[in-house]
Amino acid sequence: MTRRYWNINLEEMMEAGVHFGHGTRKWNPKMAPYISAKRKGIHITNLTRTARFLSEACDLVFDAASRGKQFLIVGTKNKEAD
């Protein structure tokens, strides 16, 4: 897999609310390494780690798409349904 540079900006991720995770009552203990804080009943996600893993996921998808693979993208929230 070839590593590429993806323009992932931490400030834009903050503006988009990527750092807001699930409520503290609805969490899986396996997510503990990715949570940086807990505020007002919501887990705050570590954006540095998220950006790194997002970059790796982009590389994976790019490589698969360049080989002609097809993807099905599913949004689970009403806002993403369209």
C-alpha atoms as a PDB file:
ATOM      1  CA  MET A   1       0.000   0.000   0.000  1.00  0.00           C
ATOM      2  CA  THR A   2       1.418   3.354  -1.040  1.00  0.00           C
ATOM      3  CA  ARG A   3       1.284   6.158   1.520  1.00  0.00           C
ATOM      4  CA  ARG A   4      -0.089   9.417   0.171  1.00  0.00           C
ATOM      5  CA  TYR A   5      -0.572  12.842   1.662  1.00  0.00           C
ATOM      6  CA  TRP A   6      -4.213  13.639   2.426  1.00  0.00           C
ATOM      7  CA  ASN A   7      -5.154  17.189   3.379  1.00  0.00           C
ATOM      8  CA  ILE A   8      -6.599  16.374   6.811  1.00  0.00           C
ATOM      9  CA  ASN A   9      -6.830  19.557   8.851  1.00  0.00           C
ATOM     10  CA  LEU A  10      -7.343  19.306  12.629  1.00  0.00           C
ATOM     11  CA  GLU A  11      -9.017  22.737  12.775  1.00  0.00           C
ATOM     12  CA  GLU A  12     -11.595  21.685  10.181  1.00  0.00           C
ATOM     13  CA  MET A  13     -12.194  18.464  12.108  1.00  0.00           C
ATOM     14  CA  MET A  14     -12.876  20.536  15.247  1.00  0.00           C
ATOM     15  CA  GLU A  15     -15.316  22.799  13.363  1.00  0.00           C
ATOM     16  CA  ALA A  16     -17.139  19.743  12.013  1.00  0.00           C
ATOM     17  CA  GLY A  17     -17.493  18.312  15.524  1.00  0.00           C
ATOM     18  CA  VAL A  18     -15.520  15.162  14.798  1.00  0.00           C
ATOM     19  CA  HIS A  19     -14.166  15.202  18.347  1.00  0.00           C
ATOM     20  CA  PHE A  20     -17.601  14.659  19.907  1.00  0.00           C
ATOM     21  CA  GLY A  21     -18.104  10.990  20.602  1.00  0.00           C
ATOM     22  CA  HIS A  22     -20.988   9.095  22.133  1.00  0.00           C
ATOM     23  CA  GLY A  23     -22.453   9.747  25.528  1.00  0.00           C
ATOM     24  CA  THR A  24     -20.426   8.351  28.400  1.00  0.00           C
ATOM     25  CA  ARG A  25     -23.155   5.806  29.153  1.00  0.00           C
ATOM     26  CA  LYS A  26     -23.075   4.364  25.601  1.00  0.00           C
ATOM     27  CA  TRP A  27     -19.514   3.337  25.071  1.00  0.00           C
ATOM     28  CA  ASN A  28     -17.412   0.282  24.465  1.00  0.00           C
ATOM     29  CA  PRO A  29     -14.358  -0.113  26.740  1.00  0.00           C
ATOM     30  CA  LYS A  30     -12.293  -1.005  23.651  1.00  0.00           C
ATOM     31  CA  MET A  31     -12.554   2.670  22.670  1.00  0.00           C
ATOM     32  CA  ALA A  32     -10.625   3.831  25.774  1.00  0.00           C
ATOM     33  CA  PRO A  33      -7.314   4.387  23.901  1.00  0.00           C
ATOM     34  CA  TYR A  34      -9.052   6.769  21.475  1.00  0.00           C
ATOM     35  CA  ILE A  35     -10.800   8.926  24.067  1.00  0.00           C
ATOM     36  CA  SER A  36      -8.872  11.943  25.299  1.00  0.00           C
ATOM     37  CA  ALA A  37     -11.366  13.433  27.790  1.00  0.00           C
ATOM     38  CA  LYS A  38     -14.904  13.366  29.164  1.00  0.00           C
ATOM     39  CA  ARG A  39     -16.950  16.591  29.293  1.00  0.00           C
ATOM     40  CA  LYS A  40     -20.609  17.123  30.106  1.00  0.00           C
ATOM     41  CA  GLY A  41     -21.430  13.444  29.679  1.00  0.00           C
ATOM     42  CA  ILE A  42     -19.745  13.105  26.257  1.00  0.00           C
ATOM     43  CA  HIS A  43     -16.453  11.450  25.393  1.00  0.00           C
ATOM     44  CA  ILE A  44     -14.016  13.662  23.485  1.00  0.00           C
ATOM     45  CA  THR A  45     -12.151  11.784  20.763  1.00  0.00           C
ATOM     46  CA  ASN A  46      -8.405  12.185  20.250  1.00  0.00           C
ATOM     47  CA  LEU A  47      -8.232  14.080  16.926  1.00  0.00           C
ATOM     48  CA  THR A  48      -4.539  13.406  16.312  1.00  0.00           C
ATOM     49  CA  ARG A  49      -5.125   9.664  16.347  1.00  0.00           C
ATOM     50  CA  THR A  50      -8.328  10.059  14.346  1.00  0.00           C
ATOM     51  CA  ALA A  51      -6.490  12.015  11.629  1.00  0.00           C
ATOM     52  CA  ARG A  52      -3.771   9.359  11.401  1.00  0.00           C
ATOM     53  CA  PHE A  53      -6.262   6.504  11.087  1.00  0.00           C
ATOM     54  CA  LEU A  54      -8.382   8.495   8.620  1.00  0.00           C
ATOM     55  CA  SER A  55      -5.305   8.962   6.442  1.00  0.00           C
ATOM     56  CA  GLU A  56      -4.624   5.211   6.535  1.00  0.00           C
ATOM     57  CA  ALA A  57      -8.261   4.498   5.639  1.00  0.00           C
ATOM     58  CA  CYS A  58      -8.042   6.928   2.697  1.00  0.00           C
ATOM     59  CA  ASP A  59      -4.941   5.084   1.444  1.00  0.00           C
ATOM     60  CA  LEU A  60      -6.756   1.760   1.702  1.00  0.00           C
ATOM     61  CA  VAL A  61      -9.840   3.007  -0.160  1.00  0.00           C
ATOM     62  CA  PHE A  62      -7.737   4.748  -2.818  1.00  0.00           C
ATOM     63  CA  ASP A  63      -5.728   1.576  -3.485  1.00  0.00           C
ATOM     64  CA  ALA A  64      -8.848  -0.588  -3.646  1.00  0.00           C
ATOM     65  CA  ALA A  65     -10.605   1.877  -5.971  1.00  0.00           C
ATOM     66  CA  SER A  66      -7.580   2.008  -8.268  1.00  0.00           C
ATOM     67  CA  ARG A  67      -7.944  -1.786  -8.633  1.00  0.00           C
ATOM     68  CA  GLY A  68     -11.595  -1.361  -9.684  1.00  0.00           C
ATOM     69  CA  LYS A  69     -13.236  -2.381  -6.411  1.00  0.00           C
ATOM     70  CA  GLN A  70     -16.743  -1.087  -5.667  1.00  0.00           C
ATOM     71  CA  PHE A  71     -17.953   0.405  -2.389  1.00  0.00           C
ATOM     72  CA  LEU A  72     -21.240   0.691  -0.566  1.00  0.00           C
ATOM     73  CA  ILE A  73     -21.293   3.632   1.829  1.00  0.00           C
ATOM     74  CA  VAL A  74     -23.990   3.534   4.491  1.00  0.00           C
ATOM     75  CA  GLY A  75     -24.970   6.516   6.645  1.00  0.00           C
ATOM     76  CA  THR A  76     -26.683   5.576   9.888  1.00  0.00           C
ATOM     77  CA  LYS A  77     -28.032   8.996  10.833  1.00  0.00           C
ATOM     78  CA  ASN A  78     -31.025  10.755   9.301  1.00  0.00           C
ATOM     79  CA  LYS A  79     -28.839  13.686   8.227  1.00  0.00           C
ATOM     80  CA  GLU A  80     -26.607  11.349   6.198  1.00  0.00           C
ATOM     81  CA  ALA A  81     -29.362   9.308   4.577  1.00  0.00           C
ATOM     82  CA  ASP A  82     -29.402  11.315   1.335  1.00  0.00           C
END
